């Protein structure tokens, strides 16, 4: 289960690109809060606060405690979308927050951590390849795992682990094909000797012919 962290927001007035640019110039990021049985609430959050927060949490599956200035209580939320400029992917320009309810399941993505060094890598020079880095699941907010660890130490060459082999806690439903490969140990790549081109083969054959002729000439001289 992920640890809940807090974030403070302020209700914003105005809409459109002009109002959004003005907010960003003041060091704030436009945001919206939405959820079941509620009207969307237009907010802004401190740019430095969210940038720092998003660097220390797993954004996809961390439950946040959102407090709105001037309101009592707080909202339990998940970050649903972060928009950023193409040339500055680490700088948010708009954020969508989803309000969650403790008795309503949510869809989240959980980081997959590979633990250990496979025997196929240690003993046979294989290469560990991870195909699935985040596992999509559905569960109640209280059951959201922080991450899923997968022990790969027993994998030999050409061995693999599939989604169906992964253990998740009761109440957490995996929502992708159970036959999907999570990781595998590939055999080491053997580099082939480059094959000579046709021209090179012809030159080699031509260069070898005089040697045979020379050997035959010496044999003829010995007979004389």
Foldseek 3Di string as FASTA:
>chain_A
DADEAEFEKEFDDDDDPVSLVVQVVVQKAWEWEDEPPDDITIIIGGQVVVLVVVVPAVQFQHWYWYHYPPDPGTFTWGWDDFDDDPVCVSGGRYTYIYGADQPAKDKTKAAEAEDADAPQCVPQVWDKDFDDGIFIKIAGSVQGDNHFYDYRHHAHEFDFAFQLNGDGDPRIGTDDDRRHTGMHTHHDDDDDDDDDDPVVVVVVVVVVVVVVVVVVVVVVVVVD
